[in-house]
Amino acid sequence: MATIEVECRACQSHDIYRHGKASSGEQRYRCKTCGHCYWKL
């Protein structure tokens, strides 16, 4: 399985985790460091 390094746009941390789904059905992600949420990485 391939691993993709993702960086938070707000704080440049690599501590990102999946955080449910948006109402549109898209996967949501959240940064553990700053708490910023993303729908698209």
PDB file of N, CA and C in Angstrom:
ATOM      1  N   MET A   1       0.838  -1.183   0.000  1.00  0.00           N
ATOM      2  CA  MET A   1       0.000   0.000   0.000  1.00  0.00           C
ATOM      3  C   MET A   1       0.886   1.251   0.000  1.00  0.00           C
ATOM      4  N   ALA A   2       0.521   2.230  -0.787  1.00  0.00           N
ATOM      5  CA  ALA A   2       1.293   3.465  -0.903  1.00  0.00           C
ATOM      6  C   ALA A   2       0.923   4.439   0.214  1.00  0.00           C
ATOM      7  N   THR A   3       1.895   5.200   0.668  1.00  0.00           N
ATOM      8  CA  THR A   3       1.674   6.220   1.682  1.00  0.00           C
ATOM      9  C   THR A   3       1.855   7.587   1.037  1.00  0.00           C
ATOM     10  N   ILE A   4       0.932   8.489   1.323  1.00  0.00           N
ATOM     11  CA  ILE A   4       0.997   9.842   0.773  1.00  0.00           C
ATOM     12  C   ILE A   4       1.258  10.810   1.921  1.00  0.00           C
ATOM     13  N   GLU A   5       2.313  11.606   1.824  1.00  0.00           N
ATOM     14  CA  GLU A   5       2.617  12.613   2.831  1.00  0.00           C
ATOM     15  C   GLU A   5       1.737  13.834   2.583  1.00  0.00           C
ATOM     16  N   VAL A   6       0.930  14.181   3.558  1.00  0.00           N
ATOM     17  CA  VAL A   6       0.026  15.326   3.440  1.00  0.00           C
ATOM     18  C   VAL A   6       0.448  16.367   4.458  1.00  0.00           C
ATOM     19  N   GLU A   7       0.420  17.620   4.041  1.00  0.00           N
ATOM     20  CA  GLU A   7       0.833  18.713   4.911  1.00  0.00           C
ATOM     21  C   GLU A   7      -0.340  19.657   5.136  1.00  0.00           C
ATOM     22  N   CYS A   8      -0.555  20.067   6.375  1.00  0.00           N
ATOM     23  CA  CYS A   8      -1.614  21.024   6.710  1.00  0.00           C
ATOM     24  C   CYS A   8      -1.302  22.369   6.050  1.00  0.00           C
ATOM     25  N   ARG A   9      -2.298  22.943   5.392  1.00  0.00           N
ATOM     26  CA  ARG A   9      -2.098  24.243   4.730  1.00  0.00           C
ATOM     27  C   ARG A   9      -1.962  25.374   5.738  1.00  0.00           C
ATOM     28  N   ALA A  10      -2.507  25.185   6.943  1.00  0.00           N
ATOM     29  CA  ALA A  10      -2.480  26.243   7.947  1.00  0.00           C
ATOM     30  C   ALA A  10      -1.171  26.273   8.742  1.00  0.00           C
ATOM     31  N   CYS A  11      -0.686  25.078   9.177  1.00  0.00           N
ATOM     32  CA  CYS A  11       0.487  25.059  10.058  1.00  0.00           C
ATOM     33  C   CYS A  11       1.644  24.207   9.535  1.00  0.00           C
ATOM     34  N   GLN A  12       1.511  23.604   8.371  1.00  0.00           N
ATOM     35  CA  GLN A  12       2.529  22.773   7.725  1.00  0.00           C
ATOM     36  C   GLN A  12       2.868  21.496   8.508  1.00  0.00           C
ATOM     37  N   SER A  13       2.005  21.074   9.428  1.00  0.00           N
ATOM     38  CA  SER A  13       2.196  19.824  10.165  1.00  0.00           C
ATOM     39  C   SER A  13       1.846  18.642   9.268  1.00  0.00           C
ATOM     40  N   HIS A  14       2.408  17.475   9.574  1.00  0.00           N
ATOM     41  CA  HIS A  14       2.096  16.256   8.829  1.00  0.00           C
ATOM     42  C   HIS A  14       1.159  15.359   9.639  1.00  0.00           C
ATOM     43  N   ASP A  15       0.603  15.880  10.726  1.00  0.00           N
ATOM     44  CA  ASP A  15      -0.268  15.123  11.631  1.00  0.00           C
ATOM     45  C   ASP A  15      -1.734  15.282  11.223  1.00  0.00           C
ATOM     46  N   ILE A  16      -2.135  14.680  10.100  1.00  0.00           N
ATOM     47  CA  ILE A  16      -3.487  14.795   9.556  1.00  0.00           C
ATOM     48  C   ILE A  16      -4.206  13.466   9.733  1.00  0.00           C
ATOM     49  N   TYR A  17      -5.500  13.514  10.087  1.00  0.00           N
ATOM     50  CA  TYR A  17      -6.276  12.282  10.189  1.00  0.00           C
ATOM     51  C   TYR A  17      -7.653  12.469   9.563  1.00  0.00           C
ATOM     52  N   ARG A  18      -8.290  11.355   9.191  1.00  0.00           N
ATOM     53  CA  ARG A  18      -9.628  11.411   8.604  1.00  0.00           C
ATOM     54  C   ARG A  18     -10.621  11.787   9.696  1.00  0.00           C
ATOM     55  N   HIS A  19     -11.595  12.641   9.337  1.00  0.00           N
ATOM     56  CA  HIS A  19     -12.508  13.196  10.337  1.00  0.00           C
ATOM     57  C   HIS A  19     -13.939  13.196   9.802  1.00  0.00           C
ATOM     58  N   GLY A  20     -14.461  12.027   9.458  1.00  0.00           N
ATOM     59  CA  GLY A  20     -15.840  11.913   8.991  1.00  0.00           C
ATOM     60  C   GLY A  20     -16.014  12.311   7.540  1.00  0.00           C
ATOM     61  N   LYS A  21     -17.274  12.589   7.188  1.00  0.00           N
ATOM     62  CA  LYS A  21     -17.595  12.972   5.806  1.00  0.00           C
ATOM     63  C   LYS A  21     -18.404  14.260   5.805  1.00  0.00           C
ATOM     64  N   ALA A  22     -18.214  15.055   4.765  1.00  0.00           N
ATOM     65  CA  ALA A  22     -18.970  16.289   4.575  1.00  0.00           C
ATOM     66  C   ALA A  22     -20.382  15.931   4.113  1.00  0.00           C
ATOM     67  N   SER A  23     -21.306  16.865   4.172  1.00  0.00           N
ATOM     68  CA  SER A  23     -22.685  16.613   3.736  1.00  0.00           C
ATOM     69  C   SER A  23     -22.750  16.238   2.260  1.00  0.00           C
ATOM     70  N   SER A  24     -21.743  16.634   1.494  1.00  0.00           N
ATOM     71  CA  SER A  24     -21.678  16.288   0.070  1.00  0.00           C
ATOM     72  C   SER A  24     -21.170  14.864  -0.143  1.00  0.00           C
ATOM     73  N   GLY A  25     -20.734  14.205   0.939  1.00  0.00           N
ATOM     74  CA  GLY A  25     -20.236  12.839   0.842  1.00  0.00           C
ATOM     75  C   GLY A  25     -18.727  12.741   0.728  1.00  0.00           C
ATOM     76  N   GLU A  26     -18.049  13.877   0.634  1.00  0.00           N
ATOM     77  CA  GLU A  26     -16.590  13.871   0.514  1.00  0.00           C
ATOM     78  C   GLU A  26     -15.944  13.609   1.875  1.00  0.00           C
ATOM     79  N   GLN A  27     -14.795  12.920   1.864  1.00  0.00           N
ATOM     80  CA  GLN A  27     -14.049  12.640   3.083  1.00  0.00           C
ATOM     81  C   GLN A  27     -13.525  13.944   3.673  1.00  0.00           C
ATOM     82  N   ARG A  28     -13.634  14.104   5.015  1.00  0.00           N
ATOM     83  CA  ARG A  28     -13.080  15.263   5.702  1.00  0.00           C
ATOM     84  C   ARG A  28     -11.818  14.851   6.438  1.00  0.00           C
ATOM     85  N   TYR A  29     -10.911  15.794   6.597  1.00  0.00           N
ATOM     86  CA  TYR A  29      -9.643  15.559   7.284  1.00  0.00           C
ATOM     87  C   TYR A  29      -9.434  16.669   8.298  1.00  0.00           C
ATOM     88  N   ARG A  30      -8.720  16.369   9.384  1.00  0.00           N
ATOM     89  CA  ARG A  30      -8.428  17.374  10.404  1.00  0.00           C
ATOM     90  C   ARG A  30      -6.964  17.271  10.814  1.00  0.00           C
ATOM     91  N   CYS A  31      -6.367  18.417  11.078  1.00  0.00           N
ATOM     92  CA  CYS A  31      -4.990  18.492  11.557  1.00  0.00           C
ATOM     93  C   CYS A  31      -4.989  18.327  13.075  1.00  0.00           C
ATOM     94  N   LYS A  32      -4.170  17.412  13.596  1.00  0.00           N
ATOM     95  CA  LYS A  32      -4.080  17.195  15.047  1.00  0.00           C
ATOM     96  C   LYS A  32      -3.380  18.356  15.742  1.00  0.00           C
ATOM     97  N   THR A  33      -2.523  19.066  15.028  1.00  0.00           N
ATOM     98  CA  THR A  33      -1.743  20.143  15.625  1.00  0.00           C
ATOM     99  C   THR A  33      -2.562  21.421  15.811  1.00  0.00           C
ATOM    100  N   CYS A  34      -3.216  21.893  14.749  1.00  0.00           N
ATOM    101  CA  CYS A  34      -3.934  23.174  14.829  1.00  0.00           C
ATOM    102  C   CYS A  34      -5.454  23.026  14.797  1.00  0.00           C
ATOM    103  N   GLY A  35      -5.968  21.829  14.439  1.00  0.00           N
ATOM    104  CA  GLY A  35      -7.406  21.598  14.433  1.00  0.00           C
ATOM    105  C   GLY A  35      -8.116  22.032  13.163  1.00  0.00           C
ATOM    106  N   HIS A  36      -7.369  22.501  12.175  1.00  0.00           N
ATOM    107  CA  HIS A  36      -7.975  22.958  10.923  1.00  0.00           C
ATOM    108  C   HIS A  36      -8.589  21.776  10.174  1.00  0.00           C
ATOM    109  N   CYS A  37      -9.800  21.965   9.593  1.00  0.00           N
ATOM    110  CA  CYS A  37     -10.482  20.903   8.841  1.00  0.00           C
ATOM    111  C   CYS A  37     -10.366  21.151   7.344  1.00  0.00           C
ATOM    112  N   TYR A  38     -10.260  20.048   6.580  1.00  0.00           N
ATOM    113  CA  TYR A  38     -10.177  20.106   5.124  1.00  0.00           C
ATOM    114  C   TYR A  38     -11.143  19.114   4.522  1.00  0.00           C
ATOM    115  N   TRP A  39     -11.710  19.455   3.369  1.00  0.00           N
ATOM    116  CA  TRP A  39     -12.524  18.517   2.605  1.00  0.00           C
ATOM    117  C   TRP A  39     -11.696  17.914   1.488  1.00  0.00           C
ATOM    118  N   LYS A  40     -10.784  18.679   0.943  1.00  0.00           N
ATOM    119  CA  LYS A  40      -9.908  18.208  -0.138  1.00  0.00           C
ATOM    120  C   LYS A  40      -8.475  18.470   0.266  1.00  0.00           C
ATOM    121  N   LEU A  41      -7.618  17.489   0.012  1.00  0.00           N
ATOM    122  CA  LEU A  41      -6.206  17.637   0.392  1.00  0.00           C
ATOM    123  C   LEU A  41      -5.371  18.164  -0.733  1.00  0.00           C
TER     124      LEU A  41
END
